[in-house]
């Protein structure tokens, strides 16, 4: 089982989308599917194409995000408190 990883266009750092998939199933995906994922590095929601993603076993330790302990949620520029109650950080855009 692997995890789908994309690169943050703001920081250039890779991040896990949280999508777990078998490598064979990932390789069989259509390359023109568009999806969004919230980035832990910059806090923004990025749109990415399947062709831009990679399936890896795990992120190397030096690429793992160290979480800050905070009781207050951090809002990204242009994000409202209502978006904190969104059903999921990752969703597929159909169309």
PDB file of N, CA and C in Angstrom:
ATOM      1  N   UNK A   1       0.846  -1.173   0.000  1.00  0.00           N
ATOM      2  CA  UNK A   1       0.000   0.000   0.000  1.00  0.00           C
ATOM      3  C   UNK A   1       0.892   1.238   0.000  1.00  0.00           C
ATOM      4  N   UNK A   2       0.587   2.164  -0.901  1.00  0.00           N
ATOM      5  CA  UNK A   2       1.346   3.399  -0.978  1.00  0.00           C
ATOM      6  C   UNK A   2       0.475   4.591  -0.642  1.00  0.00           C
ATOM      7  N   UNK A   3       1.099   5.759  -0.640  1.00  0.00           N
ATOM      8  CA  UNK A   3       0.385   7.004  -0.400  1.00  0.00           C
ATOM      9  C   UNK A   3       0.668   7.946  -1.569  1.00  0.00           C
ATOM     10  N   UNK A   4      -0.369   8.683  -1.972  1.00  0.00           N
ATOM     11  CA  UNK A   4      -0.228   9.616  -3.084  1.00  0.00           C
ATOM     12  C   UNK A   4       0.382  10.917  -2.562  1.00  0.00           C
ATOM     13  N   UNK A   5       1.435  11.366  -3.249  1.00  0.00           N
ATOM     14  CA  UNK A   5       2.181  12.560  -2.854  1.00  0.00           C
ATOM     15  C   UNK A   5       2.215  13.536  -4.026  1.00  0.00           C
ATOM     16  N   UNK A   6       2.041  14.825  -3.726  1.00  0.00           N
ATOM     17  CA  UNK A   6       2.173  15.888  -4.718  1.00  0.00           C
ATOM     18  C   UNK A   6       3.087  16.967  -4.146  1.00  0.00           C
ATOM     19  N   UNK A   7       3.504  17.900  -5.010  1.00  0.00           N
ATOM     20  CA  UNK A   7       4.403  18.965  -4.567  1.00  0.00           C
ATOM     21  C   UNK A   7       3.624  20.263  -4.361  1.00  0.00           C
ATOM     22  N   UNK A   8       3.893  20.930  -3.242  1.00  0.00           N
ATOM     23  CA  UNK A   8       3.289  22.231  -2.963  1.00  0.00           C
ATOM     24  C   UNK A   8       3.862  23.250  -3.947  1.00  0.00           C
ATOM     25  N   UNK A   9       3.005  23.941  -4.714  1.00  0.00           N
ATOM     26  CA  UNK A   9       3.516  24.927  -5.667  1.00  0.00           C
ATOM     27  C   UNK A   9       4.053  26.187  -4.984  1.00  0.00           C
ATOM     28  N   UNK A  10       3.736  26.388  -3.722  1.00  0.00           N
ATOM     29  CA  UNK A  10       4.208  27.561  -2.986  1.00  0.00           C
ATOM     30  C   UNK A  10       5.598  27.315  -2.403  1.00  0.00           C
ATOM     31  N   UNK A  11       5.763  26.182  -1.702  1.00  0.00           N
ATOM     32  CA  UNK A  11       7.030  25.890  -1.013  1.00  0.00           C
ATOM     33  C   UNK A  11       7.936  24.954  -1.803  1.00  0.00           C
ATOM     34  N   UNK A  12       7.353  24.205  -2.754  1.00  0.00           N
ATOM     35  CA  UNK A  12       8.129  23.228  -3.502  1.00  0.00           C
ATOM     36  C   UNK A  12       8.355  21.928  -2.751  1.00  0.00           C
ATOM     37  N   UNK A  13       7.773  21.809  -1.564  1.00  0.00           N
ATOM     38  CA  UNK A  13       7.966  20.597  -0.754  1.00  0.00           C
ATOM     39  C   UNK A  13       6.877  19.572  -1.047  1.00  0.00           C
ATOM     40  N   UNK A  14       7.234  18.286  -1.054  1.00  0.00           N
ATOM     41  CA  UNK A  14       6.226  17.248  -1.265  1.00  0.00           C
ATOM     42  C   UNK A  14       5.353  17.092  -0.020  1.00  0.00           C
ATOM     43  N   UNK A  15       4.097  16.677  -0.244  1.00  0.00           N
ATOM     44  CA  UNK A  15       3.226  16.374   0.889  1.00  0.00           C
ATOM     45  C   UNK A  15       2.284  15.233   0.539  1.00  0.00           C
ATOM     46  N   UNK A  16       1.904  14.497   1.558  1.00  0.00           N
ATOM     47  CA  UNK A  16       0.972  13.394   1.395  1.00  0.00           C
ATOM     48  C   UNK A  16      -0.431  13.949   1.246  1.00  0.00           C
ATOM     49  N   UNK A  17      -1.165  13.404   0.293  1.00  0.00           N
ATOM     50  CA  UNK A  17      -2.565  13.789   0.111  1.00  0.00           C
ATOM     51  C   UNK A  17      -3.464  13.043   1.084  1.00  0.00           C
ATOM     52  N   UNK A  18      -2.917  12.033   1.730  1.00  0.00           N
ATOM     53  CA  UNK A  18      -3.707  11.200   2.624  1.00  0.00           C
ATOM     54  C   UNK A  18      -4.441  10.091   1.883  1.00  0.00           C
ATOM     55  N   UNK A  19      -4.248  10.027   0.573  1.00  0.00           N
ATOM     56  CA  UNK A  19      -4.900   8.998  -0.237  1.00  0.00           C
ATOM     57  C   UNK A  19      -3.999   7.773  -0.277  1.00  0.00           C
ATOM     58  N   UNK A  20      -4.497   6.650   0.228  1.00  0.00           N
ATOM     59  CA  UNK A  20      -3.743   5.402   0.183  1.00  0.00           C
ATOM     60  C   UNK A  20      -4.266   4.551  -0.954  1.00  0.00           C
ATOM     61  N   UNK A  21      -3.335   3.962  -1.688  1.00  0.00           N
ATOM     62  CA  UNK A  21      -3.715   3.183  -2.866  1.00  0.00           C
ATOM     63  C   UNK A  21      -2.627   2.152  -3.150  1.00  0.00           C
ATOM     64  N   UNK A  22      -3.033   1.037  -3.702  1.00  0.00           N
ATOM     65  CA  UNK A  22      -2.057   0.053  -4.158  1.00  0.00           C
ATOM     66  C   UNK A  22      -1.338   0.631  -5.373  1.00  0.00           C
ATOM     67  N   UNK A  23      -0.054   0.384  -5.485  1.00  0.00           N
ATOM     68  CA  UNK A  23       0.747   0.952  -6.573  1.00  0.00           C
ATOM     69  C   UNK A  23       0.169   0.579  -7.951  1.00  0.00           C
ATOM     70  N   UNK A  24      -0.287  -0.658  -8.117  1.00  0.00           N
ATOM     71  CA  UNK A  24      -0.849  -1.095  -9.396  1.00  0.00           C
ATOM     72  C   UNK A  24      -2.112  -0.306  -9.727  1.00  0.00           C
ATOM     73  N   UNK A  25      -2.951  -0.036  -8.717  1.00  0.00           N
ATOM     74  CA  UNK A  25      -4.168   0.736  -8.939  1.00  0.00           C
ATOM     75  C   UNK A  25      -3.828   2.190  -9.279  1.00  0.00           C
ATOM     76  N   UNK A  26      -2.804   2.740  -8.632  1.00  0.00           N
ATOM     77  CA  UNK A  26      -2.382   4.109  -8.912  1.00  0.00           C
ATOM     78  C   UNK A  26      -1.904   4.241 -10.358  1.00  0.00           C
ATOM     79  N   UNK A  27      -1.115   3.281 -10.801  1.00  0.00           N
ATOM     80  CA  UNK A  27      -0.582   3.322 -12.166  1.00  0.00           C
ATOM     81  C   UNK A  27      -1.676   3.165 -13.212  1.00  0.00           C
ATOM     82  N   UNK A  28      -2.820   2.567 -12.834  1.00  0.00           N
ATOM     83  CA  UNK A  28      -3.926   2.373 -13.761  1.00  0.00           C
ATOM     84  C   UNK A  28      -4.878   3.575 -13.806  1.00  0.00           C
ATOM     85  N   UNK A  29      -4.680   4.572 -12.933  1.00  0.00           N
ATOM     86  CA  UNK A  29      -5.557   5.744 -12.899  1.00  0.00           C
ATOM     87  C   UNK A  29      -5.428   6.567 -14.168  1.00  0.00           C
ATOM     88  N   UNK A  30      -6.522   7.220 -14.558  1.00  0.00           N
ATOM     89  CA  UNK A  30      -6.469   8.147 -15.686  1.00  0.00           C
ATOM     90  C   UNK A  30      -5.577   9.319 -15.292  1.00  0.00           C
ATOM     91  N   UNK A  31      -4.754   9.764 -16.201  1.00  0.00           N
ATOM     92  CA  UNK A  31      -3.804  10.830 -15.902  1.00  0.00           C
ATOM     93  C   UNK A  31      -4.412  12.228 -15.985  1.00  0.00           C
ATOM     94  N   UNK A  32      -5.680  12.329 -16.386  1.00  0.00           N
ATOM     95  CA  UNK A  32      -6.292  13.645 -16.512  1.00  0.00           C
ATOM     96  C   UNK A  32      -7.343  13.915 -15.431  1.00  0.00           C
ATOM     97  N   UNK A  33      -7.267  13.175 -14.308  1.00  0.00           N
ATOM     98  CA  UNK A  33      -8.177  13.426 -13.190  1.00  0.00           C
ATOM     99  C   UNK A  33      -7.656  14.586 -12.355  1.00  0.00           C
ATOM    100  N   UNK A  34      -8.557  15.495 -11.972  1.00  0.00           N
ATOM    101  CA  UNK A  34      -8.184  16.641 -11.157  1.00  0.00           C
ATOM    102  C   UNK A  34      -8.701  16.429  -9.736  1.00  0.00           C
ATOM    103  N   UNK A  35      -7.878  16.758  -8.761  1.00  0.00           N
ATOM    104  CA  UNK A  35      -8.217  16.568  -7.356  1.00  0.00           C
ATOM    105  C   UNK A  35      -7.677  17.749  -6.557  1.00  0.00           C
ATOM    106  N   UNK A  36      -8.205  17.959  -5.364  1.00  0.00           N
ATOM    107  CA  UNK A  36      -7.666  18.988  -4.485  1.00  0.00           C
ATOM    108  C   UNK A  36      -7.258  18.368  -3.163  1.00  0.00           C
ATOM    109  N   UNK A  37      -6.242  18.962  -2.543  1.00  0.00           N
ATOM    110  CA  UNK A  37      -5.787  18.542  -1.218  1.00  0.00           C
ATOM    111  C   UNK A  37      -5.277  19.756  -0.459  1.00  0.00           C
ATOM    112  N   UNK A  38      -5.543  19.785   0.826  1.00  0.00           N
ATOM    113  CA  UNK A  38      -5.029  20.856   1.675  1.00  0.00           C
ATOM    114  C   UNK A  38      -3.575  20.566   2.001  1.00  0.00           C
ATOM    115  N   UNK A  39      -2.721  21.560   1.804  1.00  0.00           N
ATOM    116  CA  UNK A  39      -1.278  21.423   2.004  1.00  0.00           C
ATOM    117  C   UNK A  39      -0.898  21.745   3.447  1.00  0.00           C
ATOM    118  N   UNK A  40      -0.176  20.853   4.106  1.00  0.00           N
ATOM    119  CA  UNK A  40       0.250  21.125   5.480  1.00  0.00           C
ATOM    120  C   UNK A  40       1.391  22.130   5.562  1.00  0.00           C
ATOM    121  N   UNK A  41       2.060  22.398   4.444  1.00  0.00           N
ATOM    122  CA  UNK A  41       3.198  23.326   4.454  1.00  0.00           C
ATOM    123  C   UNK A  41       2.750  24.782   4.399  1.00  0.00           C
ATOM    124  N   UNK A  42       1.823  25.097   3.501  1.00  0.00           N
ATOM    125  CA  UNK A  42       1.394  26.489   3.339  1.00  0.00           C
ATOM    126  C   UNK A  42      -0.039  26.723   3.810  1.00  0.00           C
ATOM    127  N   UNK A  43      -0.783  25.637   4.055  1.00  0.00           N
ATOM    128  CA  UNK A  43      -2.147  25.764   4.545  1.00  0.00           C
ATOM    129  C   UNK A  43      -3.195  25.986   3.469  1.00  0.00           C
ATOM    130  N   UNK A  44      -2.777  26.097   2.217  1.00  0.00           N
ATOM    131  CA  UNK A  44      -3.718  26.329   1.124  1.00  0.00           C
ATOM    132  C   UNK A  44      -4.222  25.016   0.550  1.00  0.00           C
ATOM    133  N   UNK A  45      -5.349  25.076  -0.128  1.00  0.00           N
ATOM    134  CA  UNK A  45      -5.869  23.915  -0.842  1.00  0.00           C
ATOM    135  C   UNK A  45      -5.375  24.002  -2.273  1.00  0.00           C
ATOM    136  N   UNK A  46      -4.652  22.972  -2.714  1.00  0.00           N
ATOM    137  CA  UNK A  46      -4.071  22.964  -4.051  1.00  0.00           C
ATOM    138  C   UNK A  46      -4.867  22.045  -4.973  1.00  0.00           C
ATOM    139  N   UNK A  47      -5.017  22.471  -6.205  1.00  0.00           N
ATOM    140  CA  UNK A  47      -5.600  21.633  -7.255  1.00  0.00           C
ATOM    141  C   UNK A  47      -4.432  20.941  -7.952  1.00  0.00           C
ATOM    142  N   UNK A  48      -4.548  19.633  -8.148  1.00  0.00           N
ATOM    143  CA  UNK A  48      -3.480  18.898  -8.827  1.00  0.00           C
ATOM    144  C   UNK A  48      -4.078  17.820  -9.719  1.00  0.00           C
ATOM    145  N   UNK A  49      -3.312  17.482 -10.729  1.00  0.00           N
ATOM    146  CA  UNK A  49      -3.690  16.436 -11.682  1.00  0.00           C
ATOM    147  C   UNK A  49      -3.022  15.138 -11.278  1.00  0.00           C
ATOM    148  N   UNK A  50      -3.666  14.028 -11.595  1.00  0.00           N
ATOM    149  CA  UNK A  50      -3.108  12.711 -11.282  1.00  0.00           C
ATOM    150  C   UNK A  50      -1.718  12.559 -11.893  1.00  0.00           C
ATOM    151  N   UNK A  51      -1.509  13.113 -13.078  1.00  0.00           N
ATOM    152  CA  UNK A  51      -0.206  12.985 -13.738  1.00  0.00           C
ATOM    153  C   UNK A  51       0.912  13.693 -12.978  1.00  0.00           C
ATOM    154  N   UNK A  52       0.575  14.624 -12.067  1.00  0.00           N
ATOM    155  CA  UNK A  52       1.566  15.342 -11.271  1.00  0.00           C
ATOM    156  C   UNK A  52       1.919  14.611  -9.975  1.00  0.00           C
ATOM    157  N   UNK A  53       1.160  13.581  -9.652  1.00  0.00           N
ATOM    158  CA  UNK A  53       1.319  12.878  -8.376  1.00  0.00           C
ATOM    159  C   UNK A  53       2.251  11.680  -8.503  1.00  0.00           C
ATOM    160  N   UNK A  54       2.746  11.235  -7.348  1.00  0.00           N
ATOM    161  CA  UNK A  54       3.548  10.018  -7.268  1.00  0.00           C
ATOM    162  C   UNK A  54       2.956   9.139  -6.175  1.00  0.00           C
ATOM    163  N   UNK A  55       3.171   7.859  -6.286  1.00  0.00           N
ATOM    164  CA  UNK A  55       2.774   6.913  -5.252  1.00  0.00           C
ATOM    165  C   UNK A  55       4.055   6.400  -4.606  1.00  0.00           C
ATOM    166  N   UNK A  56       4.198   6.647  -3.310  1.00  0.00           N
ATOM    167  CA  UNK A  56       5.401   6.224  -2.604  1.00  0.00           C
ATOM    168  C   UNK A  56       5.015   5.423  -1.361  1.00  0.00           C
ATOM    169  N   UNK A  57       6.004   4.693  -0.818  1.00  0.00           N
ATOM    170  CA  UNK A  57       5.744   3.911   0.387  1.00  0.00           C
ATOM    171  C   UNK A  57       5.577   4.810   1.603  1.00  0.00           C
ATOM    172  N   UNK A  58       6.439   5.796   1.768  1.00  0.00           N
ATOM    173  CA  UNK A  58       6.346   6.739   2.885  1.00  0.00           C
ATOM    174  C   UNK A  58       7.239   7.931   2.588  1.00  0.00           C
ATOM    175  N   UNK A  59       6.938   9.067   3.197  1.00  0.00           N
ATOM    176  CA  UNK A  59       7.812  10.228   3.053  1.00  0.00           C
ATOM    177  C   UNK A  59       9.092  10.006   3.840  1.00  0.00           C
ATOM    178  N   UNK A  60      10.233  10.396   3.303  1.00  0.00           N
ATOM    179  CA  UNK A  60      11.473  10.324   4.078  1.00  0.00           C
ATOM    180  C   UNK A  60      11.350  11.200   5.322  1.00  0.00           C
ATOM    181  N   UNK A  61      12.016  10.817   6.418  1.00  0.00           N
ATOM    182  CA  UNK A  61      11.891  11.573   7.670  1.00  0.00           C
ATOM    183  C   UNK A  61      12.185  13.063   7.534  1.00  0.00           C
ATOM    184  N   UNK A  62      13.133  13.455   6.683  1.00  0.00           N
ATOM    185  CA  UNK A  62      13.460  14.876   6.560  1.00  0.00           C
ATOM    186  C   UNK A  62      12.394  15.665   5.806  1.00  0.00           C
ATOM    187  N   UNK A  63      11.437  14.977   5.163  1.00  0.00           N
ATOM    188  CA  UNK A  63      10.345  15.655   4.469  1.00  0.00           C
ATOM    189  C   UNK A  63       9.043  15.639   5.260  1.00  0.00           C
ATOM    190  N   UNK A  64       9.058  15.020   6.444  1.00  0.00           N
ATOM    191  CA  UNK A  64       7.847  14.962   7.253  1.00  0.00           C
ATOM    192  C   UNK A  64       7.636  16.292   7.946  1.00  0.00           C
ATOM    193  N   UNK A  65       6.394  16.703   8.007  1.00  0.00           N
ATOM    194  CA  UNK A  65       6.039  17.979   8.615  1.00  0.00           C
ATOM    195  C   UNK A  65       5.959  17.821  10.121  1.00  0.00           C
ATOM    196  N   UNK A  66       6.643  18.674  10.834  1.00  0.00           N
ATOM    197  CA  UNK A  66       6.553  18.679  12.294  1.00  0.00           C
ATOM    198  C   UNK A  66       5.362  19.560  12.657  1.00  0.00           C
ATOM    199  N   UNK A  67       4.408  18.969  13.351  1.00  0.00           N
ATOM    200  CA  UNK A  67       3.195  19.690  13.717  1.00  0.00           C
ATOM    201  C   UNK A  67       3.443  20.605  14.902  1.00  0.00           C
ATOM    202  N   UNK A  68       2.885  21.795  14.826  1.00  0.00           N
ATOM    203  CA  UNK A  68       2.960  22.737  15.932  1.00  0.00           C
ATOM    204  C   UNK A  68       1.799  22.449  16.862  1.00  0.00           C
ATOM    205  N   UNK A  69       2.037  22.503  18.151  1.00  0.00           N
ATOM    206  CA  UNK A  69       0.936  22.311  19.083  1.00  0.00           C
ATOM    207  C   UNK A  69       0.275  23.662  19.318  1.00  0.00           C
ATOM    208  N   UNK A  70      -0.995  23.722  19.013  1.00  0.00           N
ATOM    209  CA  UNK A  70      -1.742  24.962  19.152  1.00  0.00           C
ATOM    210  C   UNK A  70      -3.204  24.620  19.378  1.00  0.00           C
ATOM    211  N   UNK A  71      -3.819  25.322  20.294  1.00  0.00           N
ATOM    212  CA  UNK A  71      -5.237  25.080  20.536  1.00  0.00           C
ATOM    213  C   UNK A  71      -6.100  25.867  19.545  1.00  0.00           C
ATOM    214  N   UNK A  72      -5.524  26.874  18.890  1.00  0.00           N
ATOM    215  CA  UNK A  72      -6.245  27.682  17.921  1.00  0.00           C
ATOM    216  C   UNK A  72      -5.951  27.206  16.503  1.00  0.00           C
ATOM    217  N   UNK A  73      -6.963  26.987  15.671  1.00  0.00           N
ATOM    218  CA  UNK A  73      -6.700  26.617  14.275  1.00  0.00           C
ATOM    219  C   UNK A  73      -6.063  27.778  13.532  1.00  0.00           C
ATOM    220  N   UNK A  74      -5.172  27.446  12.600  1.00  0.00           N
ATOM    221  CA  UNK A  74      -4.505  28.450  11.788  1.00  0.00           C
ATOM    222  C   UNK A  74      -5.273  28.615  10.483  1.00  0.00           C
ATOM    223  N   UNK A  75      -5.598  29.844  10.126  1.00  0.00           N
ATOM    224  CA  UNK A  75      -6.300  30.116   8.882  1.00  0.00           C
ATOM    225  C   UNK A  75      -5.314  30.595   7.834  1.00  0.00           C
ATOM    226  N   UNK A  76      -5.468  30.098   6.626  1.00  0.00           N
ATOM    227  CA  UNK A  76      -4.648  30.552   5.507  1.00  0.00           C
ATOM    228  C   UNK A  76      -5.248  31.837   4.957  1.00  0.00           C
ATOM    229  N   UNK A  77      -4.445  32.603   4.220  1.00  0.00           N
ATOM    230  CA  UNK A  77      -4.920  33.839   3.612  1.00  0.00           C
ATOM    231  C   UNK A  77      -6.159  33.560   2.774  1.00  0.00           C
ATOM    232  N   UNK A  78      -7.207  34.316   3.010  1.00  0.00           N
ATOM    233  CA  UNK A  78      -8.431  34.172   2.233  1.00  0.00           C
ATOM    234  C   UNK A  78      -9.346  33.063   2.722  1.00  0.00           C
ATOM    235  N   UNK A  79      -8.963  32.363   3.776  1.00  0.00           N
ATOM    236  CA  UNK A  79      -9.770  31.253   4.281  1.00  0.00           C
ATOM    237  C   UNK A  79     -10.652  31.760   5.407  1.00  0.00           C
ATOM    238  N   UNK A  80     -11.878  31.312   5.461  1.00  0.00           N
ATOM    239  CA  UNK A  80     -12.779  31.722   6.522  1.00  0.00           C
ATOM    240  C   UNK A  80     -12.890  30.613   7.561  1.00  0.00           C
ATOM    241  N   UNK A  81     -13.376  30.963   8.721  1.00  0.00           N
ATOM    242  CA  UNK A  81     -13.558  29.967   9.777  1.00  0.00           C
ATOM    243  C   UNK A  81     -14.555  28.901   9.342  1.00  0.00           C
ATOM    244  N   UNK A  82     -15.477  29.243   8.440  1.00  0.00           N
ATOM    245  CA  UNK A  82     -16.440  28.258   7.953  1.00  0.00           C
ATOM    246  C   UNK A  82     -15.755  27.107   7.228  1.00  0.00           C
ATOM    247  N   UNK A  83     -14.628  27.385   6.568  1.00  0.00           N
ATOM    248  CA  UNK A  83     -13.941  26.335   5.817  1.00  0.00           C
ATOM    249  C   UNK A  83     -13.325  25.294   6.743  1.00  0.00           C
ATOM    250  N   UNK A  84     -13.168  25.622   8.025  1.00  0.00           N
ATOM    251  CA  UNK A  84     -12.631  24.644   8.976  1.00  0.00           C
ATOM    252  C   UNK A  84     -13.621  23.512   9.216  1.00  0.00           C
ATOM    253  N   UNK A  85     -14.864  23.747   8.873  1.00  0.00           N
ATOM    254  CA  UNK A  85     -15.896  22.738   9.087  1.00  0.00           C
ATOM    255  C   UNK A  85     -16.233  21.989   7.811  1.00  0.00           C
ATOM    256  N   UNK A  86     -15.385  22.113   6.790  1.00  0.00           N
ATOM    257  CA  UNK A  86     -15.601  21.405   5.528  1.00  0.00           C
ATOM    258  C   UNK A  86     -15.525  19.907   5.777  1.00  0.00           C
ATOM    259  N   UNK A  87     -16.263  19.094   5.036  1.00  0.00           N
ATOM    260  CA  UNK A  87     -16.319  17.659   5.291  1.00  0.00           C
ATOM    261  C   UNK A  87     -15.002  16.920   5.102  1.00  0.00           C
ATOM    262  N   UNK A  88     -14.150  17.358   4.171  1.00  0.00           N
ATOM    263  CA  UNK A  88     -12.900  16.636   3.932  1.00  0.00           C
ATOM    264  C   UNK A  88     -11.867  17.580   3.340  1.00  0.00           C
ATOM    265  N   UNK A  89     -10.595  17.286   3.620  1.00  0.00           N
ATOM    266  CA  UNK A  89      -9.513  18.109   3.091  1.00  0.00           C
ATOM    267  C   UNK A  89      -9.168  17.714   1.667  1.00  0.00           C
ATOM    268  N   UNK A  90      -9.577  16.540   1.259  1.00  0.00           N
ATOM    269  CA  UNK A  90      -9.267  16.061  -0.076  1.00  0.00           C
ATOM    270  C   UNK A  90     -10.560  15.619  -0.751  1.00  0.00           C
ATOM    271  N   UNK A  91     -10.779  16.079  -1.963  1.00  0.00           N
ATOM    272  CA  UNK A  91     -11.970  15.649  -2.693  1.00  0.00           C
ATOM    273  C   UNK A  91     -11.657  15.623  -4.185  1.00  0.00           C
ATOM    274  N   UNK A  92     -12.395  14.833  -4.904  1.00  0.00           N
ATOM    275  CA  UNK A  92     -12.215  14.723  -6.353  1.00  0.00           C
ATOM    276  C   UNK A  92     -13.192  15.670  -7.018  1.00  0.00           C
ATOM    277  N   UNK A  93     -12.711  16.407  -8.003  1.00  0.00           N
ATOM    278  CA  UNK A  93     -13.560  17.311  -8.770  1.00  0.00           C
ATOM    279  C   UNK A  93     -13.987  16.576 -10.028  1.00  0.00           C
ATOM    280  N   UNK A  94     -15.271  16.385 -10.164  1.00  0.00           N
ATOM    281  CA  UNK A  94     -15.778  15.676 -11.343  1.00  0.00           C
ATOM    282  C   UNK A  94     -16.167  16.682 -12.406  1.00  0.00           C
ATOM    283  N   UNK A  95     -16.022  16.270 -13.632  1.00  0.00           N
ATOM    284  CA  UNK A  95     -16.462  17.168 -14.681  1.00  0.00           C
ATOM    285  C   UNK A  95     -15.671  17.063 -15.841  1.00  0.00           C
TER     286      UNK A  95
END
